[in-house]
């Protein structure tokens, strides 16, 4: 089993998904089913796959620590397969986009790209806690337009808005996230422009390719 964990492991791979038109919002009628070839990953499995991978990444020496606030389930960086960039928490963005998750970093430079994956046994889901601002990542179901269902690190606690099912595809060595709020898979909005370019958004019914695929790398040091 080959996995990609940089101090966060491998999450999603190759794609042909079209970006929704401006203002188009995903419907939240029926949760997406697990795609063929993808398996749900629980807390023990994440640790096992990450441990067997051997690929880890330490933050670059920039003065920002990515090891603080690590959770028992593991601290990871999330790399988009679509554009090859690591996801960062935009903690300096102005409201209402403060804390938006965006795949824009060439390397793991510190807490901005780090997330603690916290396993919740009762719901069989994960909560992602940003090391940049110590907030949980929520799906903004009440946002409208292109920002609807955007991922944003803004919550002090974890409920349905902040919970995700984690999937792994052993053949592709890729990972995918499915929102518990609307049943949609997280996609990286490669074709967006402006401040939301490369933002992560829970809007896909299926894992159709690299838009929804990520690599996970375990953060060390």
C-alpha atoms as a PDB file:
ATOM      1  CA  UNK A   1       0.000   0.000   0.000  1.00  0.00           C
ATOM      2  CA  UNK A   2       1.589   3.279  -1.075  1.00  0.00           C
ATOM      3  CA  UNK A   3       0.378   6.397   0.589  1.00  0.00           C
ATOM      4  CA  UNK A   4       1.482  10.009   0.511  1.00  0.00           C
ATOM      5  CA  UNK A   5       1.906  11.536   3.944  1.00  0.00           C
ATOM      6  CA  UNK A   6       4.074  14.656   4.254  1.00  0.00           C
ATOM      7  CA  UNK A   7       3.416  15.337   7.673  1.00  0.00           C
ATOM      8  CA  UNK A   8      -0.124  14.948   5.996  1.00  0.00           C
ATOM      9  CA  UNK A   9      -0.592  11.844   3.554  1.00  0.00           C
ATOM     10  CA  UNK A  10      -2.046  11.552   0.021  1.00  0.00           C
ATOM     11  CA  UNK A  11      -5.622  12.737  -0.559  1.00  0.00           C
ATOM     12  CA  UNK A  12      -7.013  12.906  -4.215  1.00  0.00           C
ATOM     13  CA  UNK A  13      -5.706  12.298  -7.932  1.00  0.00           C
ATOM     14  CA  UNK A  14      -6.345  12.926 -11.842  1.00  0.00           C
ATOM     15  CA  UNK A  15      -9.477  14.789 -13.057  1.00  0.00           C
ATOM     16  CA  UNK A  16     -11.902  15.885 -15.738  1.00  0.00           C
ATOM     17  CA  UNK A  17     -14.467  17.634 -13.554  1.00  0.00           C
ATOM     18  CA  UNK A  18     -15.859  20.873 -14.869  1.00  0.00           C
ATOM     19  CA  UNK A  19     -16.027  23.823 -12.505  1.00  0.00           C
ATOM     20  CA  UNK A  20     -19.588  24.949 -11.765  1.00  0.00           C
ATOM     21  CA  UNK A  21     -20.747  28.180 -13.302  1.00  0.00           C
ATOM     22  CA  UNK A  22     -20.403  31.330 -11.246  1.00  0.00           C
ATOM     23  CA  UNK A  23     -23.086  31.371  -8.612  1.00  0.00           C
ATOM     24  CA  UNK A  24     -23.862  27.683  -9.040  1.00  0.00           C
ATOM     25  CA  UNK A  25     -24.286  25.947  -5.705  1.00  0.00           C
ATOM     26  CA  UNK A  26     -24.348  22.256  -4.931  1.00  0.00           C
ATOM     27  CA  UNK A  27     -27.673  20.792  -3.841  1.00  0.00           C
ATOM     28  CA  UNK A  28     -27.758  19.005  -0.507  1.00  0.00           C
ATOM     29  CA  UNK A  29     -30.564  16.553  -1.291  1.00  0.00           C
ATOM     30  CA  UNK A  30     -28.866  13.135  -1.160  1.00  0.00           C
ATOM     31  CA  UNK A  31     -25.453  12.318   0.329  1.00  0.00           C
ATOM     32  CA  UNK A  32     -22.883  11.067  -2.151  1.00  0.00           C
ATOM     33  CA  UNK A  33     -22.119   7.368  -1.986  1.00  0.00           C
ATOM     34  CA  UNK A  34     -18.595   6.051  -1.518  1.00  0.00           C
ATOM     35  CA  UNK A  35     -17.015   5.843  -4.984  1.00  0.00           C
ATOM     36  CA  UNK A  36     -15.864   2.491  -6.346  1.00  0.00           C
ATOM     37  CA  UNK A  37     -12.323   1.795  -5.238  1.00  0.00           C
ATOM     38  CA  UNK A  38     -12.502   4.140  -2.244  1.00  0.00           C
ATOM     39  CA  UNK A  39     -12.718   3.002   1.389  1.00  0.00           C
ATOM     40  CA  UNK A  40     -13.636   4.872   4.534  1.00  0.00           C
ATOM     41  CA  UNK A  41     -10.705   5.395   6.874  1.00  0.00           C
ATOM     42  CA  UNK A  42     -11.128   5.416  10.654  1.00  0.00           C
ATOM     43  CA  UNK A  43      -8.707   6.714  13.263  1.00  0.00           C
ATOM     44  CA  UNK A  44      -6.724   3.489  13.539  1.00  0.00           C
ATOM     45  CA  UNK A  45      -6.514   3.056   9.777  1.00  0.00           C
ATOM     46  CA  UNK A  46      -5.247   6.601   9.246  1.00  0.00           C
ATOM     47  CA  UNK A  47      -2.416   5.986  11.685  1.00  0.00           C
ATOM     48  CA  UNK A  48      -1.623   2.634  10.058  1.00  0.00           C
ATOM     49  CA  UNK A  49      -1.575   3.929   6.483  1.00  0.00           C
ATOM     50  CA  UNK A  50       0.371   7.014   7.469  1.00  0.00           C
ATOM     51  CA  UNK A  51       2.854   4.935   9.429  1.00  0.00           C
ATOM     52  CA  UNK A  52       3.437   2.494   6.561  1.00  0.00           C
ATOM     53  CA  UNK A  53       3.964   5.254   4.029  1.00  0.00           C
ATOM     54  CA  UNK A  54       7.135   6.686   5.436  1.00  0.00           C
ATOM     55  CA  UNK A  55       6.793   9.982   3.554  1.00  0.00           C
ATOM     56  CA  UNK A  56       6.772  12.897   5.949  1.00  0.00           C
ATOM     57  CA  UNK A  57       7.607  16.554   5.792  1.00  0.00           C
ATOM     58  CA  UNK A  58       8.977  18.951   8.341  1.00  0.00           C
ATOM     59  CA  UNK A  59       8.057  22.638   8.083  1.00  0.00           C
ATOM     60  CA  UNK A  60      10.580  24.906   6.462  1.00  0.00           C
ATOM     61  CA  UNK A  61      12.600  27.032   8.836  1.00  0.00           C
ATOM     62  CA  UNK A  62      10.469  30.153   8.710  1.00  0.00           C
ATOM     63  CA  UNK A  63       9.935  30.704  12.405  1.00  0.00           C
ATOM     64  CA  UNK A  64       6.395  29.313  12.312  1.00  0.00           C
ATOM     65  CA  UNK A  65       5.825  26.079  14.192  1.00  0.00           C
ATOM     66  CA  UNK A  66       3.558  23.419  12.713  1.00  0.00           C
ATOM     67  CA  UNK A  67       3.918  20.965  15.562  1.00  0.00           C
ATOM     68  CA  UNK A  68       1.862  22.810  18.169  1.00  0.00           C
ATOM     69  CA  UNK A  69      -1.730  21.711  18.827  1.00  0.00           C
ATOM     70  CA  UNK A  70      -1.174  18.282  17.291  1.00  0.00           C
ATOM     71  CA  UNK A  71      -3.979  15.785  17.952  1.00  0.00           C
ATOM     72  CA  UNK A  72      -3.650  12.085  18.774  1.00  0.00           C
ATOM     73  CA  UNK A  73      -5.176  11.164  15.414  1.00  0.00           C
ATOM     74  CA  UNK A  74      -2.328  12.912  13.624  1.00  0.00           C
ATOM     75  CA  UNK A  75      -1.212  16.240  12.262  1.00  0.00           C
ATOM     76  CA  UNK A  76      -1.181  16.517   8.494  1.00  0.00           C
ATOM     77  CA  UNK A  77      -0.759  18.751   5.483  1.00  0.00           C
ATOM     78  CA  UNK A  78      -3.220  18.464   2.606  1.00  0.00           C
ATOM     79  CA  UNK A  79      -1.850  18.708  -0.927  1.00  0.00           C
ATOM     80  CA  UNK A  80      -4.141  19.161  -3.930  1.00  0.00           C
ATOM     81  CA  UNK A  81      -3.484  16.697  -6.729  1.00  0.00           C
ATOM     82  CA  UNK A  82      -4.983  19.172  -9.183  1.00  0.00           C
ATOM     83  CA  UNK A  83      -2.418  21.962  -8.763  1.00  0.00           C
ATOM     84  CA  UNK A  84       0.250  20.337  -6.582  1.00  0.00           C
ATOM     85  CA  UNK A  85      -0.099  22.963  -3.833  1.00  0.00           C
ATOM     86  CA  UNK A  86      -0.576  22.553  -0.092  1.00  0.00           C
ATOM     87  CA  UNK A  87      -3.725  23.826   1.599  1.00  0.00           C
ATOM     88  CA  UNK A  88      -3.260  26.884   3.802  1.00  0.00           C
ATOM     89  CA  UNK A  89      -5.588  28.619   6.247  1.00  0.00           C
ATOM     90  CA  UNK A  90      -6.031  32.218   5.119  1.00  0.00           C
ATOM     91  CA  UNK A  91      -6.139  33.619   8.647  1.00  0.00           C
ATOM     92  CA  UNK A  92      -5.302  37.140   7.418  1.00  0.00           C
ATOM     93  CA  UNK A  93      -8.213  37.341   4.977  1.00  0.00           C
ATOM     94  CA  UNK A  94     -10.859  39.915   5.821  1.00  0.00           C
ATOM     95  CA  UNK A  95     -14.364  38.891   6.888  1.00  0.00           C
ATOM     96  CA  UNK A  96     -16.408  37.029   5.745  1.00  0.00           C
ATOM     97  CA  UNK A  97     -13.576  34.918   4.266  1.00  0.00           C
ATOM     98  CA  UNK A  98     -11.273  34.910   7.292  1.00  0.00           C
ATOM     99  CA  UNK A  99      -9.826  31.425   7.642  1.00  0.00           C
ATOM    100  CA  UNK A 100     -10.769  30.143   4.170  1.00  0.00           C
ATOM    101  CA  UNK A 101      -8.830  27.026   3.126  1.00  0.00           C
ATOM    102  CA  UNK A 102      -6.910  27.502  -0.117  1.00  0.00           C
ATOM    103  CA  UNK A 103      -4.444  25.203  -1.948  1.00  0.00           C
ATOM    104  CA  UNK A 104      -1.771  27.776  -2.665  1.00  0.00           C
ATOM    105  CA  UNK A 105       1.466  26.899  -0.799  1.00  0.00           C
ATOM    106  CA  UNK A 106       4.456  25.352  -2.569  1.00  0.00           C
ATOM    107  CA  UNK A 107       5.711  23.852   0.697  1.00  0.00           C
ATOM    108  CA  UNK A 108       4.717  23.295   4.306  1.00  0.00           C
ATOM    109  CA  UNK A 109       6.176  26.395   5.882  1.00  0.00           C
ATOM    110  CA  UNK A 110       4.506  26.141   9.267  1.00  0.00           C
ATOM    111  CA  UNK A 111       1.154  26.215  11.028  1.00  0.00           C
ATOM    112  CA  UNK A 112      -0.638  27.758   8.047  1.00  0.00           C
ATOM    113  CA  UNK A 113      -0.494  24.409   6.214  1.00  0.00           C
ATOM    114  CA  UNK A 114      -0.999  22.151   9.242  1.00  0.00           C
ATOM    115  CA  UNK A 115      -4.228  20.460  10.369  1.00  0.00           C
ATOM    116  CA  UNK A 116      -4.935  18.134  13.298  1.00  0.00           C
ATOM    117  CA  UNK A 117      -7.210  15.285  12.204  1.00  0.00           C
ATOM    118  CA  UNK A 118      -9.417  14.438  15.199  1.00  0.00           C
ATOM    119  CA  UNK A 119     -11.304  11.143  15.013  1.00  0.00           C
ATOM    120  CA  UNK A 120     -14.844  11.019  16.470  1.00  0.00           C
ATOM    121  CA  UNK A 121     -15.834   7.427  17.176  1.00  0.00           C
ATOM    122  CA  UNK A 122     -19.573   8.048  17.660  1.00  0.00           C
ATOM    123  CA  UNK A 123     -20.054   9.613  14.213  1.00  0.00           C
ATOM    124  CA  UNK A 124     -17.182   7.797  12.472  1.00  0.00           C
ATOM    125  CA  UNK A 125     -15.970  11.140  11.151  1.00  0.00           C
ATOM    126  CA  UNK A 126     -13.020  13.496  11.455  1.00  0.00           C
ATOM    127  CA  UNK A 127     -12.851  17.109  12.512  1.00  0.00           C
ATOM    128  CA  UNK A 128      -9.988  19.151  11.031  1.00  0.00           C
ATOM    129  CA  UNK A 129      -8.416  21.723  13.314  1.00  0.00           C
ATOM    130  CA  UNK A 130      -6.205  24.372  11.761  1.00  0.00           C
ATOM    131  CA  UNK A 131      -2.870  24.930  13.483  1.00  0.00           C
ATOM    132  CA  UNK A 132      -2.836  28.475  12.109  1.00  0.00           C
ATOM    133  CA  UNK A 133      -5.694  29.775  14.246  1.00  0.00           C
ATOM    134  CA  UNK A 134      -6.674  26.789  16.430  1.00  0.00           C
ATOM    135  CA  UNK A 135     -10.163  26.702  14.837  1.00  0.00           C
ATOM    136  CA  UNK A 136     -12.116  23.816  13.369  1.00  0.00           C
ATOM    137  CA  UNK A 137     -12.800  23.743   9.637  1.00  0.00           C
ATOM    138  CA  UNK A 138     -16.477  24.253   8.809  1.00  0.00           C
ATOM    139  CA  UNK A 139     -18.444  23.922   5.563  1.00  0.00           C
ATOM    140  CA  UNK A 140     -20.222  27.237   5.029  1.00  0.00           C
ATOM    141  CA  UNK A 141     -23.616  25.891   3.999  1.00  0.00           C
ATOM    142  CA  UNK A 142     -25.314  29.272   4.429  1.00  0.00           C
ATOM    143  CA  UNK A 143     -22.956  31.159   2.138  1.00  0.00           C
ATOM    144  CA  UNK A 144     -24.267  31.982  -1.331  1.00  0.00           C
ATOM    145  CA  UNK A 145     -22.828  32.063  -4.846  1.00  0.00           C
ATOM    146  CA  UNK A 146     -19.301  30.791  -5.473  1.00  0.00           C
ATOM    147  CA  UNK A 147     -18.590  30.825  -1.745  1.00  0.00           C
ATOM    148  CA  UNK A 148     -21.399  28.446  -0.816  1.00  0.00           C
ATOM    149  CA  UNK A 149     -20.040  25.368   1.009  1.00  0.00           C
ATOM    150  CA  UNK A 150     -16.555  26.873   1.117  1.00  0.00           C
ATOM    151  CA  UNK A 151     -14.261  25.376   3.798  1.00  0.00           C
ATOM    152  CA  UNK A 152     -13.290  27.843   6.511  1.00  0.00           C
ATOM    153  CA  UNK A 153     -11.364  27.412   9.788  1.00  0.00           C
ATOM    154  CA  UNK A 154     -13.610  29.431  12.075  1.00  0.00           C
ATOM    155  CA  UNK A 155     -15.304  27.190  14.690  1.00  0.00           C
ATOM    156  CA  UNK A 156     -14.355  26.702  18.337  1.00  0.00           C
ATOM    157  CA  UNK A 157     -16.213  23.373  18.507  1.00  0.00           C
ATOM    158  CA  UNK A 158     -17.034  20.514  16.140  1.00  0.00           C
ATOM    159  CA  UNK A 159     -20.574  19.609  15.027  1.00  0.00           C
ATOM    160  CA  UNK A 160     -22.061  18.457  11.740  1.00  0.00           C
ATOM    161  CA  UNK A 161     -20.743  21.537   9.906  1.00  0.00           C
ATOM    162  CA  UNK A 162     -17.215  20.609  10.969  1.00  0.00           C
ATOM    163  CA  UNK A 163     -17.247  16.847  10.353  1.00  0.00           C
ATOM    164  CA  UNK A 164     -15.878  14.912   7.375  1.00  0.00           C
ATOM    165  CA  UNK A 165     -15.646  11.306   6.231  1.00  0.00           C
ATOM    166  CA  UNK A 166     -12.151  10.440   5.044  1.00  0.00           C
ATOM    167  CA  UNK A 167     -11.681   8.058   2.091  1.00  0.00           C
ATOM    168  CA  UNK A 168      -8.570   6.395   0.746  1.00  0.00           C
ATOM    169  CA  UNK A 169      -7.949   4.810  -2.665  1.00  0.00           C
ATOM    170  CA  UNK A 170      -5.103   2.328  -2.385  1.00  0.00           C
ATOM    171  CA  UNK A 171      -4.635   1.907  -6.133  1.00  0.00           C
ATOM    172  CA  UNK A 172      -4.347   5.671  -6.697  1.00  0.00           C
ATOM    173  CA  UNK A 173      -2.720   6.366  -3.323  1.00  0.00           C
ATOM    174  CA  UNK A 174      -5.053   9.317  -2.945  1.00  0.00           C
ATOM    175  CA  UNK A 175      -7.453  10.687  -0.316  1.00  0.00           C
ATOM    176  CA  UNK A 176     -10.848  12.377  -0.433  1.00  0.00           C
ATOM    177  CA  UNK A 177     -13.031  14.240   2.061  1.00  0.00           C
ATOM    178  CA  UNK A 178     -16.822  14.120   2.212  1.00  0.00           C
ATOM    179  CA  UNK A 179     -18.751  16.732   4.195  1.00  0.00           C
ATOM    180  CA  UNK A 180     -21.168  15.452   6.847  1.00  0.00           C
ATOM    181  CA  UNK A 181     -23.239  18.614   6.360  1.00  0.00           C
ATOM    182  CA  UNK A 182     -24.260  18.164   2.722  1.00  0.00           C
ATOM    183  CA  UNK A 183     -22.811  14.791   1.687  1.00  0.00           C
ATOM    184  CA  UNK A 184     -20.629  16.427  -0.980  1.00  0.00           C
ATOM    185  CA  UNK A 185     -16.976  15.754  -1.665  1.00  0.00           C
ATOM    186  CA  UNK A 186     -14.435  18.526  -1.198  1.00  0.00           C
ATOM    187  CA  UNK A 187     -13.051  19.959  -4.453  1.00  0.00           C
ATOM    188  CA  UNK A 188     -10.257  22.438  -5.081  1.00  0.00           C
ATOM    189  CA  UNK A 189     -11.613  25.332  -7.167  1.00  0.00           C
ATOM    190  CA  UNK A 190      -8.751  25.568  -9.626  1.00  0.00           C
ATOM    191  CA  UNK A 191     -10.605  27.767 -12.142  1.00  0.00           C
ATOM    192  CA  UNK A 192     -11.860  30.356  -9.695  1.00  0.00           C
ATOM    193  CA  UNK A 193     -10.207  33.776  -9.803  1.00  0.00           C
ATOM    194  CA  UNK A 194      -9.381  36.337  -7.171  1.00  0.00           C
ATOM    195  CA  UNK A 195      -9.138  35.641  -3.437  1.00  0.00           C
ATOM    196  CA  UNK A 196     -11.074  32.359  -3.710  1.00  0.00           C
ATOM    197  CA  UNK A 197      -8.897  30.817  -6.405  1.00  0.00           C
ATOM    198  CA  UNK A 198      -7.814  27.334  -5.265  1.00  0.00           C
ATOM    199  CA  UNK A 199     -10.311  27.449  -2.386  1.00  0.00           C
ATOM    200  CA  UNK A 200     -11.648  24.154  -1.051  1.00  0.00           C
ATOM    201  CA  UNK A 201     -15.410  23.699  -1.393  1.00  0.00           C
ATOM    202  CA  UNK A 202     -17.747  20.789  -0.569  1.00  0.00           C
ATOM    203  CA  UNK A 203     -19.643  20.653  -3.876  1.00  0.00           C
ATOM    204  CA  UNK A 204     -19.001  17.418  -5.799  1.00  0.00           C
ATOM    205  CA  UNK A 205     -21.382  14.443  -5.907  1.00  0.00           C
ATOM    206  CA  UNK A 206     -18.541  12.078  -6.774  1.00  0.00           C
ATOM    207  CA  UNK A 207     -14.782  11.835  -6.842  1.00  0.00           C
ATOM    208  CA  UNK A 208     -14.363  12.316 -10.569  1.00  0.00           C
ATOM    209  CA  UNK A 209     -10.661  13.129 -10.683  1.00  0.00           C
ATOM    210  CA  UNK A 210      -7.911  15.389  -9.394  1.00  0.00           C
ATOM    211  CA  UNK A 211     -10.281  18.189  -8.363  1.00  0.00           C
ATOM    212  CA  UNK A 212     -11.428  16.056  -5.420  1.00  0.00           C
ATOM    213  CA  UNK A 213      -8.204  14.156  -4.803  1.00  0.00           C
ATOM    214  CA  UNK A 214      -5.516  15.015  -2.278  1.00  0.00           C
ATOM    215  CA  UNK A 215      -2.251  13.759  -0.875  1.00  0.00           C
ATOM    216  CA  UNK A 216      -1.825  13.625   2.889  1.00  0.00           C
ATOM    217  CA  UNK A 217       1.553  14.253   4.469  1.00  0.00           C
ATOM    218  CA  UNK A 218       2.242  13.664   8.130  1.00  0.00           C
ATOM    219  CA  UNK A 219       3.904  16.686   9.692  1.00  0.00           C
ATOM    220  CA  UNK A 220       6.994  15.978  11.733  1.00  0.00           C
ATOM    221  CA  UNK A 221       9.238  18.233  13.743  1.00  0.00           C
END
